[in-house]
């Protein structure tokens, strides 16, 4: 009977030691995880702050300029009159502006409508629309090619580090595109949403 009591007390003390060890190791792991994540939480996103500051500065400048000196609107009007007076150089300048807008993800609808208006007033409606369509097509196509090349060769590693490793779905899509890229591309083109 004495042995049973000592055995049960031994088992009881072993269970208590094991549970206290488990609590200690769990707390230690939690502390280690906190230490690992704490610097990333404290890390200041300087890139986001810089971009936000630049955007706020641009918006502020545009608002103040539209109320006071109107440098932007007069500059835009002078550019449009320059395109009307220098038609050949204006077409290439417009292609360059459309190229930059496409690479920078600026929506092209306003530029497309503006090109029809500017070239239509310069050479007539019929020829102006044709000339504007050609300028928009060439500028958008070259901009799309440049955006693709930037994304494929220069920015791929940066995107892979930031997105693919964080999100398993994007990693699966990336692997599927590497294995069956043409098939997925053709199926996406058949989808009316894309």
N, C-alpha and C. Protein backbone atom coordinates (compact mmCIF):
# COMPACT_ATOMS: atom_id res chain seq x y z
N UNK A 1 0.82 -1.18 0.00
CA UNK A 1 0.00 0.00 0.00
C UNK A 1 0.87 1.24 0.00
N UNK A 2 1.93 1.16 0.70
CA UNK A 2 2.87 2.26 0.74
C UNK A 2 3.48 2.51 -0.64
N UNK A 3 3.72 1.40 -1.38
CA UNK A 3 4.28 1.54 -2.72
C UNK A 3 3.28 2.18 -3.67
N UNK A 4 1.98 1.83 -3.53
CA UNK A 4 0.97 2.41 -4.40
C UNK A 4 0.87 3.91 -4.16
N UNK A 5 0.93 4.33 -2.94
CA UNK A 5 0.85 5.74 -2.62
C UNK A 5 2.06 6.47 -3.18
N UNK A 6 3.24 5.88 -3.02
CA UNK A 6 4.43 6.52 -3.54
C UNK A 6 4.42 6.53 -5.06
N UNK A 7 3.90 5.46 -5.70
CA UNK A 7 3.79 5.42 -7.17
C UNK A 7 2.83 6.48 -7.67
N UNK A 8 1.68 6.58 -7.02
CA UNK A 8 0.71 7.58 -7.47
C UNK A 8 1.22 8.99 -7.24
N UNK A 9 1.91 9.21 -6.12
CA UNK A 9 2.46 10.54 -5.89
C UNK A 9 3.59 10.83 -6.89
N UNK A 10 4.35 9.79 -7.24
CA UNK A 10 5.42 9.96 -8.23
C UNK A 10 4.81 10.30 -9.60
N UNK A 11 3.73 9.57 -9.97
CA UNK A 11 3.08 9.84 -11.24
C UNK A 11 2.47 11.24 -11.23
N UNK A 12 1.89 11.61 -10.11
CA UNK A 12 1.28 12.93 -10.00
C UNK A 12 2.33 14.02 -10.13
N UNK A 13 3.47 13.84 -9.49
CA UNK A 13 4.52 14.85 -9.58
C UNK A 13 5.12 14.89 -10.98
N UNK A 14 5.21 13.74 -11.65
CA UNK A 14 5.72 13.71 -13.02
C UNK A 14 4.78 14.44 -13.95
N UNK A 15 3.49 14.26 -13.77
CA UNK A 15 2.50 14.95 -14.59
C UNK A 15 2.58 16.45 -14.36
N UNK A 16 2.72 16.86 -13.08
CA UNK A 16 2.84 18.28 -12.79
C UNK A 16 4.09 18.87 -13.41
N UNK A 17 5.22 18.15 -13.33
CA UNK A 17 6.46 18.65 -13.93
C UNK A 17 6.31 18.76 -15.44
N UNK A 18 5.67 17.73 -16.02
CA UNK A 18 5.49 17.75 -17.47
C UNK A 18 4.60 18.92 -17.89
N UNK A 19 3.50 19.15 -17.15
CA UNK A 19 2.60 20.25 -17.52
C UNK A 19 3.27 21.60 -17.27
N UNK A 20 4.05 21.70 -16.19
CA UNK A 20 4.73 22.97 -15.96
C UNK A 20 5.82 23.18 -17.01
N UNK A 21 6.49 22.09 -17.42
CA UNK A 21 7.49 22.22 -18.49
C UNK A 21 6.81 22.64 -19.79
N UNK A 22 5.64 22.04 -20.06
CA UNK A 22 4.91 22.39 -21.27
C UNK A 22 4.48 23.85 -21.25
N UNK A 23 4.00 24.32 -20.08
CA UNK A 23 3.63 25.73 -19.98
C UNK A 23 4.84 26.61 -20.17
N UNK A 24 5.98 26.25 -19.61
CA UNK A 24 7.18 27.05 -19.72
C UNK A 24 7.67 27.07 -21.16
N UNK A 25 7.70 25.90 -21.81
CA UNK A 25 8.20 25.86 -23.19
C UNK A 25 7.24 26.59 -24.13
N UNK A 26 5.93 26.50 -23.86
CA UNK A 26 4.98 27.22 -24.70
C UNK A 26 5.14 28.71 -24.50
N UNK A 27 5.33 29.14 -23.27
CA UNK A 27 5.54 30.56 -23.01
C UNK A 27 6.85 31.01 -23.65
N UNK A 28 7.86 30.15 -23.59
CA UNK A 28 9.14 30.51 -24.18
C UNK A 28 9.02 30.63 -25.70
N UNK A 29 8.28 29.69 -26.33
CA UNK A 29 8.07 29.77 -27.77
C UNK A 29 7.27 31.00 -28.14
N UNK A 30 6.28 31.33 -27.32
CA UNK A 30 5.50 32.52 -27.59
C UNK A 30 6.36 33.75 -27.49
N UNK A 31 7.24 33.79 -26.48
CA UNK A 31 8.13 34.93 -26.35
C UNK A 31 9.08 35.02 -27.52
N UNK A 32 9.58 33.87 -27.98
CA UNK A 32 10.47 33.90 -29.13
C UNK A 32 9.73 34.37 -30.38
N UNK A 33 8.49 33.93 -30.54
CA UNK A 33 7.72 34.38 -31.69
C UNK A 33 7.44 35.86 -31.60
N UNK A 34 7.18 36.35 -30.39
CA UNK A 34 6.96 37.78 -30.23
C UNK A 34 8.21 38.55 -30.58
N UNK A 35 9.37 38.02 -30.15
CA UNK A 35 10.62 38.70 -30.47
C UNK A 35 10.87 38.71 -31.97
N UNK A 36 10.47 37.62 -32.66
CA UNK A 36 10.69 37.57 -34.10
C UNK A 36 9.77 38.52 -34.84
N UNK A 37 8.54 38.67 -34.35
CA UNK A 37 7.60 39.52 -35.07
C UNK A 37 7.65 40.97 -34.61
N UNK A 38 8.20 41.23 -33.45
CA UNK A 38 8.21 42.59 -32.96
C UNK A 38 9.01 43.54 -33.85
N UNK A 39 10.21 43.17 -34.31
CA UNK A 39 10.92 44.11 -35.17
C UNK A 39 10.18 44.40 -36.48
N UNK A 40 9.48 43.39 -37.03
CA UNK A 40 8.76 43.65 -38.27
C UNK A 40 7.58 44.59 -38.04
N UNK A 41 6.99 44.52 -36.84
CA UNK A 41 5.90 45.45 -36.53
C UNK A 41 6.45 46.85 -36.32
N UNK A 42 7.64 46.95 -35.78
CA UNK A 42 8.24 48.25 -35.52
C UNK A 42 8.88 48.85 -36.77
N UNK A 43 9.11 48.01 -37.77
CA UNK A 43 9.76 48.47 -38.99
C UNK A 43 8.89 49.53 -39.66
N UNK A 44 9.48 50.64 -39.98
CA UNK A 44 8.75 51.75 -40.58
C UNK A 44 8.73 51.59 -42.10
N UNK A 45 7.58 51.63 -42.72
CA UNK A 45 7.50 51.47 -44.17
C UNK A 45 7.84 52.77 -44.89
N UNK A 46 9.12 53.06 -45.03
CA UNK A 46 9.56 54.33 -45.62
C UNK A 46 9.09 54.49 -47.06
N UNK A 47 9.03 53.43 -47.81
CA UNK A 47 8.58 53.53 -49.20
C UNK A 47 7.13 54.00 -49.29
N UNK A 48 6.27 53.43 -48.43
CA UNK A 48 4.86 53.83 -48.44
C UNK A 48 4.69 55.28 -47.98
N UNK A 49 5.47 55.66 -46.99
CA UNK A 49 5.39 57.04 -46.49
C UNK A 49 5.85 58.01 -47.58
N UNK A 50 6.91 57.67 -48.30
CA UNK A 50 7.43 58.52 -49.37
C UNK A 50 6.41 58.66 -50.50
N UNK A 51 5.82 57.55 -50.93
CA UNK A 51 4.82 57.60 -52.00
C UNK A 51 3.60 58.40 -51.56
N UNK A 52 3.14 58.19 -50.33
CA UNK A 52 1.99 58.93 -49.83
C UNK A 52 2.29 60.43 -49.76
N UNK A 53 3.49 60.78 -49.32
CA UNK A 53 3.87 62.19 -49.24
C UNK A 53 3.92 62.83 -50.62
N UNK A 54 4.48 62.11 -51.59
CA UNK A 54 4.55 62.64 -52.95
C UNK A 54 3.14 62.82 -53.53
N UNK A 55 2.27 61.83 -53.34
CA UNK A 55 0.90 61.95 -53.86
C UNK A 55 0.13 63.09 -53.20
N UNK A 56 0.28 63.22 -51.90
CA UNK A 56 -0.40 64.33 -51.20
C UNK A 56 0.14 65.67 -51.69
N UNK A 57 1.45 65.74 -51.91
CA UNK A 57 2.05 66.97 -52.43
C UNK A 57 1.54 67.32 -53.81
N UNK A 58 1.41 66.31 -54.69
CA UNK A 58 0.91 66.56 -56.04
C UNK A 58 -0.54 67.02 -56.00
N UNK A 59 -1.36 66.35 -55.21
CA UNK A 59 -2.77 66.74 -55.11
C UNK A 59 -2.90 68.14 -54.54
N UNK A 60 -2.12 68.46 -53.53
CA UNK A 60 -2.16 69.80 -52.94
C UNK A 60 -1.73 70.85 -53.96
N UNK A 61 -0.66 70.55 -54.71
CA UNK A 61 -0.20 71.49 -55.73
C UNK A 61 -1.26 71.72 -56.79
N UNK A 62 -1.91 70.66 -57.24
CA UNK A 62 -2.94 70.80 -58.28
C UNK A 62 -4.12 71.63 -57.77
N UNK A 63 -4.53 71.40 -56.53
CA UNK A 63 -5.66 72.15 -55.98
C UNK A 63 -5.29 73.62 -55.83
N UNK A 64 -4.12 73.89 -55.26
CA UNK A 64 -3.71 75.28 -55.07
C UNK A 64 -3.50 75.96 -56.42
N UNK A 65 -2.90 75.24 -57.38
CA UNK A 65 -2.66 75.81 -58.70
C UNK A 65 -3.96 76.10 -59.44
N UNK A 66 -4.96 75.24 -59.29
CA UNK A 66 -6.23 75.48 -59.98
C UNK A 66 -6.97 76.68 -59.41
N UNK A 67 -6.67 77.04 -58.17
CA UNK A 67 -7.33 78.19 -57.56
C UNK A 67 -6.55 79.49 -57.75
N UNK A 68 -5.26 79.39 -58.05
CA UNK A 68 -4.45 80.61 -58.12
C UNK A 68 -3.85 80.84 -59.51
N UNK A 69 -2.68 80.33 -59.79
CA UNK A 69 -1.93 80.69 -60.99
C UNK A 69 -2.31 79.91 -62.24
N UNK A 70 -2.84 78.74 -62.11
CA UNK A 70 -3.29 77.88 -63.21
C UNK A 70 -2.16 77.54 -64.17
N UNK A 71 -1.01 77.19 -63.63
CA UNK A 71 0.11 76.75 -64.46
C UNK A 71 -0.19 75.44 -65.19
N UNK A 72 -0.85 74.53 -64.52
CA UNK A 72 -1.12 73.22 -65.12
C UNK A 72 -2.09 73.34 -66.29
N UNK A 73 -3.17 74.07 -66.12
CA UNK A 73 -4.15 74.18 -67.22
C UNK A 73 -3.57 74.96 -68.39
N UNK A 74 -2.79 76.01 -68.13
CA UNK A 74 -2.18 76.74 -69.25
C UNK A 74 -1.11 75.89 -69.93
N UNK A 75 -0.36 75.12 -69.17
CA UNK A 75 0.63 74.23 -69.77
C UNK A 75 -0.02 73.17 -70.63
N UNK A 76 -1.13 72.63 -70.16
CA UNK A 76 -1.85 71.62 -70.93
C UNK A 76 -2.41 72.23 -72.22
N UNK A 77 -2.97 73.43 -72.14
CA UNK A 77 -3.50 74.10 -73.33
C UNK A 77 -2.38 74.43 -74.32
N UNK A 78 -1.23 74.84 -73.81
CA UNK A 78 -0.10 75.12 -74.70
C UNK A 78 0.40 73.85 -75.37
N UNK A 79 0.40 72.72 -74.66
CA UNK A 79 0.80 71.45 -75.25
C UNK A 79 -0.17 71.06 -76.36
N UNK A 80 -1.46 71.24 -76.13
CA UNK A 80 -2.45 70.90 -77.15
C UNK A 80 -2.32 71.80 -78.38
N UNK A 81 -2.10 73.11 -78.18
CA UNK A 81 -1.90 74.00 -79.33
C UNK A 81 -0.59 73.68 -80.05
N UNK A 82 0.41 73.26 -79.33
CA UNK A 82 1.67 72.85 -79.97
C UNK A 82 1.46 71.61 -80.83
N UNK A 83 0.65 70.66 -80.35
CA UNK A 83 0.35 69.46 -81.14
C UNK A 83 -0.40 69.85 -82.41
N UNK A 84 -1.33 70.79 -82.30
CA UNK A 84 -2.08 71.22 -83.47
C UNK A 84 -1.18 71.91 -84.50
N UNK A 85 -0.21 72.70 -84.04
CA UNK A 85 0.65 73.42 -84.98
C UNK A 85 1.79 72.55 -85.51
N UNK A 86 2.30 71.60 -84.74
CA UNK A 86 3.37 70.68 -85.16
C UNK A 86 2.79 69.27 -85.19
N UNK A 87 2.12 68.93 -86.26
CA UNK A 87 1.33 67.71 -86.30
C UNK A 87 2.18 66.45 -86.22
N UNK A 88 3.25 66.37 -86.99
CA UNK A 88 4.06 65.15 -87.00
C UNK A 88 4.76 64.96 -85.66
N UNK A 89 5.40 66.00 -85.17
CA UNK A 89 6.06 65.91 -83.87
C UNK A 89 5.03 65.72 -82.76
N UNK A 90 3.86 66.30 -82.93
CA UNK A 90 2.80 66.16 -81.94
C UNK A 90 2.29 64.73 -81.84
N UNK A 91 2.22 64.04 -82.99
CA UNK A 91 1.80 62.64 -82.97
C UNK A 91 2.79 61.81 -82.17
N UNK A 92 4.09 62.02 -82.43
CA UNK A 92 5.10 61.26 -81.70
C UNK A 92 5.15 61.65 -80.22
N UNK A 93 4.93 62.93 -79.92
CA UNK A 93 4.89 63.36 -78.51
C UNK A 93 3.69 62.73 -77.81
N UNK A 94 2.56 62.68 -78.51
CA UNK A 94 1.38 62.05 -77.91
C UNK A 94 1.60 60.57 -77.69
N UNK A 95 2.27 59.91 -78.64
CA UNK A 95 2.59 58.49 -78.46
C UNK A 95 3.47 58.30 -77.23
N UNK A 96 4.43 59.22 -77.03
CA UNK A 96 5.30 59.14 -75.85
C UNK A 96 4.53 59.32 -74.56
N UNK A 97 3.60 60.28 -74.55
CA UNK A 97 2.78 60.50 -73.35
C UNK A 97 1.91 59.29 -73.08
N UNK A 98 1.33 58.71 -74.13
CA UNK A 98 0.48 57.53 -73.96
C UNK A 98 1.31 56.33 -73.51
N UNK A 99 2.51 56.22 -74.01
CA UNK A 99 3.44 55.17 -73.61
C UNK A 99 3.72 55.25 -72.11
N UNK A 100 4.07 56.43 -71.63
CA UNK A 100 4.37 56.63 -70.21
C UNK A 100 3.13 56.39 -69.35
N UNK A 101 1.97 56.85 -69.84
CA UNK A 101 0.74 56.64 -69.08
C UNK A 101 0.40 55.15 -68.97
N UNK A 102 0.66 54.39 -70.03
CA UNK A 102 0.37 52.96 -69.99
C UNK A 102 1.29 52.24 -69.01
N UNK A 103 2.56 52.58 -69.03
CA UNK A 103 3.52 51.95 -68.12
C UNK A 103 3.20 52.30 -66.67
N UNK A 104 2.74 53.53 -66.44
CA UNK A 104 2.45 53.99 -65.07
C UNK A 104 1.02 53.67 -64.64
N UNK A 105 0.28 52.88 -65.40
CA UNK A 105 -1.08 52.45 -65.08
C UNK A 105 -2.07 53.60 -64.99
N UNK A 106 -1.86 54.64 -65.77
CA UNK A 106 -2.83 55.74 -65.84
C UNK A 106 -3.92 55.32 -66.82
N UNK A 107 -5.18 55.45 -66.45
CA UNK A 107 -6.25 55.07 -67.39
C UNK A 107 -6.17 55.88 -68.68
N UNK A 108 -6.30 55.18 -69.79
CA UNK A 108 -6.10 55.83 -71.08
C UNK A 108 -7.34 56.41 -71.71
N UNK A 109 -8.49 56.31 -71.07
CA UNK A 109 -9.73 56.77 -71.72
C UNK A 109 -9.71 58.28 -71.95
N UNK A 110 -9.24 59.05 -70.98
CA UNK A 110 -9.19 60.51 -71.17
C UNK A 110 -8.18 60.88 -72.25
N UNK A 111 -7.05 60.21 -72.27
CA UNK A 111 -6.06 60.49 -73.31
C UNK A 111 -6.59 60.13 -74.69
N UNK A 112 -7.34 59.04 -74.79
CA UNK A 112 -7.90 58.63 -76.07
C UNK A 112 -8.91 59.64 -76.57
N UNK A 113 -9.80 60.07 -75.69
CA UNK A 113 -10.80 61.08 -76.09
C UNK A 113 -10.13 62.41 -76.42
N UNK A 114 -9.13 62.77 -75.63
CA UNK A 114 -8.40 64.01 -75.89
C UNK A 114 -7.66 63.98 -77.22
N UNK A 115 -7.11 62.82 -77.58
CA UNK A 115 -6.40 62.73 -78.86
C UNK A 115 -7.37 62.90 -80.02
N UNK A 116 -8.55 62.34 -79.92
CA UNK A 116 -9.55 62.53 -80.98
C UNK A 116 -9.94 63.99 -81.12
N UNK A 117 -10.09 64.68 -79.99
CA UNK A 117 -10.45 66.09 -80.03
C UNK A 117 -9.32 66.93 -80.64
N UNK A 118 -8.07 66.71 -80.18
CA UNK A 118 -6.95 67.52 -80.63
C UNK A 118 -6.65 67.27 -82.10
N UNK A 119 -6.53 66.00 -82.48
CA UNK A 119 -6.20 65.71 -83.87
C UNK A 119 -7.38 66.00 -84.80
N UNK A 120 -8.59 65.87 -84.29
CA UNK A 120 -9.77 66.22 -85.08
C UNK A 120 -9.84 67.70 -85.37
N UNK A 121 -9.47 68.52 -84.39
CA UNK A 121 -9.48 69.97 -84.63
C UNK A 121 -8.29 70.41 -85.48
N UNK A 122 -7.22 69.61 -85.52
CA UNK A 122 -6.04 69.98 -86.29
C UNK A 122 -6.20 69.65 -87.77
N UNK A 123 -6.72 68.47 -88.10
CA UNK A 123 -6.77 68.05 -89.51
C UNK A 123 -8.18 67.71 -89.98
N UNK A 124 -9.17 67.91 -89.19
CA UNK A 124 -10.53 67.54 -89.57
C UNK A 124 -10.95 66.28 -88.83
N UNK A 125 -12.23 66.08 -88.76
CA UNK A 125 -12.76 64.99 -87.94
C UNK A 125 -12.37 63.63 -88.48
N UNK A 126 -12.53 63.39 -89.75
CA UNK A 126 -12.26 62.07 -90.32
C UNK A 126 -10.80 61.67 -90.19
N UNK A 127 -9.92 62.52 -90.72
CA UNK A 127 -8.49 62.21 -90.64
C UNK A 127 -7.97 62.31 -89.20
N UNK A 128 -8.55 63.18 -88.43
CA UNK A 128 -8.13 63.33 -87.04
C UNK A 128 -8.41 62.09 -86.21
N UNK A 129 -9.57 61.48 -86.43
CA UNK A 129 -9.91 60.25 -85.70
C UNK A 129 -8.99 59.12 -86.12
N UNK A 130 -8.69 59.03 -87.42
CA UNK A 130 -7.78 57.98 -87.89
C UNK A 130 -6.38 58.20 -87.31
N UNK A 131 -5.90 59.42 -87.36
CA UNK A 131 -4.58 59.74 -86.82
C UNK A 131 -4.52 59.50 -85.32
N UNK A 132 -5.58 59.89 -84.61
CA UNK A 132 -5.64 59.66 -83.17
C UNK A 132 -5.68 58.17 -82.85
N UNK A 133 -6.42 57.40 -83.64
CA UNK A 133 -6.49 55.95 -83.42
C UNK A 133 -5.13 55.30 -83.60
N UNK A 134 -4.42 55.72 -84.64
CA UNK A 134 -3.08 55.16 -84.88
C UNK A 134 -2.14 55.54 -83.73
N UNK A 135 -2.17 56.81 -83.32
CA UNK A 135 -1.29 57.26 -82.23
C UNK A 135 -1.60 56.53 -80.93
N UNK A 136 -2.88 56.35 -80.63
CA UNK A 136 -3.27 55.65 -79.40
C UNK A 136 -2.87 54.18 -79.48
N UNK A 137 -3.08 53.54 -80.63
CA UNK A 137 -2.75 52.13 -80.77
C UNK A 137 -1.24 51.91 -80.61
N UNK A 138 -0.44 52.72 -81.27
CA UNK A 138 1.02 52.55 -81.18
C UNK A 138 1.51 52.86 -79.77
N UNK A 139 1.05 53.95 -79.18
CA UNK A 139 1.48 54.30 -77.83
C UNK A 139 1.07 53.26 -76.80
N UNK A 140 -0.17 52.76 -76.90
CA UNK A 140 -0.65 51.75 -75.95
C UNK A 140 0.06 50.42 -76.15
N UNK A 141 0.31 50.05 -77.41
CA UNK A 141 1.00 48.78 -77.66
C UNK A 141 2.43 48.82 -77.16
N UNK A 142 3.15 49.89 -77.46
CA UNK A 142 4.53 50.00 -76.97
C UNK A 142 4.59 50.09 -75.45
N UNK A 143 3.63 50.80 -74.86
CA UNK A 143 3.56 50.86 -73.40
C UNK A 143 3.25 49.51 -72.77
N UNK A 144 2.38 48.74 -73.41
CA UNK A 144 2.05 47.41 -72.90
C UNK A 144 3.26 46.48 -72.98
N UNK A 145 3.98 46.57 -74.09
CA UNK A 145 5.18 45.74 -74.23
C UNK A 145 6.21 46.12 -73.18
N UNK A 146 6.39 47.42 -72.97
CA UNK A 146 7.36 47.86 -71.95
C UNK A 146 6.93 47.44 -70.55
N UNK A 147 5.62 47.54 -70.26
CA UNK A 147 5.13 47.12 -68.94
C UNK A 147 5.33 45.62 -68.75
N UNK A 148 5.10 44.85 -69.81
CA UNK A 148 5.33 43.41 -69.72
C UNK A 148 6.80 43.10 -69.47
N UNK A 149 7.68 43.74 -70.21
CA UNK A 149 9.11 43.48 -70.05
C UNK A 149 9.60 43.90 -68.65
N UNK A 150 9.08 45.02 -68.16
CA UNK A 150 9.43 45.44 -66.79
C UNK A 150 8.96 44.42 -65.78
N UNK A 151 7.74 43.96 -65.93
CA UNK A 151 7.18 42.99 -64.98
C UNK A 151 7.85 41.64 -65.08
N UNK A 152 8.19 41.23 -66.28
CA UNK A 152 8.74 39.89 -66.48
C UNK A 152 10.20 39.79 -66.07
N UNK A 153 10.99 40.78 -66.42
CA UNK A 153 12.42 40.65 -66.22
C UNK A 153 12.97 41.48 -65.06
N UNK A 154 12.46 42.68 -64.84
CA UNK A 154 13.03 43.53 -63.79
C UNK A 154 12.33 43.40 -62.45
N UNK A 155 11.01 43.29 -62.45
CA UNK A 155 10.25 43.33 -61.20
C UNK A 155 9.83 41.95 -60.70
N UNK A 156 10.12 40.89 -61.45
CA UNK A 156 9.65 39.56 -61.08
C UNK A 156 10.18 39.10 -59.72
N UNK A 157 11.46 39.31 -59.46
CA UNK A 157 12.02 38.86 -58.18
C UNK A 157 11.43 39.62 -57.00
N UNK A 158 11.20 40.92 -57.19
CA UNK A 158 10.60 41.73 -56.11
C UNK A 158 9.18 41.26 -55.81
N UNK A 159 8.41 41.01 -56.84
CA UNK A 159 7.03 40.54 -56.65
C UNK A 159 7.04 39.14 -56.05
N UNK A 160 7.96 38.32 -56.51
CA UNK A 160 8.03 36.96 -55.98
C UNK A 160 8.34 36.98 -54.48
N UNK A 161 9.26 37.83 -54.07
CA UNK A 161 9.60 37.92 -52.64
C UNK A 161 8.42 38.40 -51.82
N UNK A 162 7.70 39.37 -52.34
CA UNK A 162 6.65 39.98 -51.53
C UNK A 162 5.32 39.24 -51.58
N UNK A 163 4.93 38.76 -52.75
CA UNK A 163 3.59 38.18 -52.87
C UNK A 163 3.57 36.66 -52.88
N UNK A 164 4.44 36.07 -53.68
CA UNK A 164 4.34 34.63 -53.90
C UNK A 164 4.62 33.86 -52.62
N UNK A 165 5.56 34.31 -51.84
CA UNK A 165 5.88 33.58 -50.61
C UNK A 165 4.86 33.86 -49.51
N UNK A 166 4.16 34.98 -49.58
CA UNK A 166 3.15 35.28 -48.56
C UNK A 166 1.84 34.55 -48.82
N UNK A 167 1.45 34.49 -50.08
CA UNK A 167 0.14 33.95 -50.43
C UNK A 167 0.30 32.67 -51.22
N UNK A 168 -0.13 31.54 -50.68
CA UNK A 168 0.03 30.27 -51.39
C UNK A 168 -0.77 30.18 -52.69
N UNK A 169 -1.86 30.91 -52.79
CA UNK A 169 -2.66 30.88 -54.02
C UNK A 169 -1.85 31.47 -55.18
N UNK A 170 -1.17 32.56 -54.92
CA UNK A 170 -0.36 33.18 -55.97
C UNK A 170 0.80 32.28 -56.34
N UNK A 171 1.34 31.58 -55.37
CA UNK A 171 2.41 30.62 -55.66
C UNK A 171 1.89 29.49 -56.56
N UNK A 172 0.69 29.02 -56.29
CA UNK A 172 0.10 27.97 -57.13
C UNK A 172 -0.17 28.48 -58.54
N UNK A 173 -0.63 29.72 -58.65
CA UNK A 173 -0.87 30.31 -59.98
C UNK A 173 0.45 30.47 -60.72
N UNK A 174 1.48 30.89 -60.02
CA UNK A 174 2.80 31.06 -60.62
C UNK A 174 3.33 29.74 -61.16
N UNK A 175 3.20 28.66 -60.37
CA UNK A 175 3.65 27.35 -60.82
C UNK A 175 2.82 26.86 -62.01
N UNK A 176 1.50 27.10 -61.97
CA UNK A 176 0.66 26.68 -63.08
C UNK A 176 1.01 27.44 -64.36
N UNK A 177 1.31 28.73 -64.23
CA UNK A 177 1.69 29.51 -65.40
C UNK A 177 3.03 29.06 -65.95
N UNK A 178 3.94 28.64 -65.08
CA UNK A 178 5.22 28.15 -65.57
C UNK A 178 5.05 26.83 -66.32
N UNK A 179 4.16 25.97 -65.86
CA UNK A 179 3.97 24.66 -66.49
C UNK A 179 3.08 24.72 -67.72
N UNK A 180 1.96 25.44 -67.64
CA UNK A 180 0.96 25.48 -68.71
C UNK A 180 0.60 26.91 -69.06
N UNK A 181 1.58 27.73 -69.33
CA UNK A 181 1.35 29.16 -69.54
C UNK A 181 0.47 29.47 -70.73
N UNK A 182 0.74 28.86 -71.88
CA UNK A 182 -0.02 29.16 -73.08
C UNK A 182 -1.47 28.73 -72.93
N UNK A 183 -1.71 27.55 -72.37
CA UNK A 183 -3.07 27.06 -72.19
C UNK A 183 -3.86 27.98 -71.25
N UNK A 184 -3.25 28.39 -70.16
CA UNK A 184 -3.94 29.27 -69.21
C UNK A 184 -4.19 30.63 -69.83
N UNK A 185 -3.21 31.14 -70.60
CA UNK A 185 -3.38 32.42 -71.28
C UNK A 185 -4.56 32.37 -72.25
N UNK A 186 -4.64 31.32 -73.05
CA UNK A 186 -5.75 31.20 -74.00
C UNK A 186 -7.09 31.05 -73.29
N UNK A 187 -7.13 30.29 -72.21
CA UNK A 187 -8.38 30.15 -71.46
C UNK A 187 -8.79 31.47 -70.80
N UNK A 188 -7.82 32.24 -70.32
CA UNK A 188 -8.15 33.55 -69.75
C UNK A 188 -8.69 34.50 -70.80
N UNK A 189 -8.15 34.42 -72.01
CA UNK A 189 -8.63 35.30 -73.07
C UNK A 189 -10.06 34.95 -73.49
N UNK A 190 -10.48 33.71 -73.26
CA UNK A 190 -11.85 33.32 -73.57
C UNK A 190 -12.84 33.82 -72.54
N UNK A 191 -12.34 34.13 -71.34
CA UNK A 191 -13.22 34.59 -70.28
C UNK A 191 -13.63 36.04 -70.53
N UNK A 192 -14.92 36.36 -70.45
CA UNK A 192 -15.35 37.73 -70.68
C UNK A 192 -14.99 38.69 -69.55
N UNK A 193 -14.66 38.16 -68.38
CA UNK A 193 -14.33 39.02 -67.24
C UNK A 193 -12.93 39.61 -67.38
N UNK A 194 -12.00 38.82 -67.92
CA UNK A 194 -10.61 39.24 -67.98
C UNK A 194 -10.37 40.18 -69.09
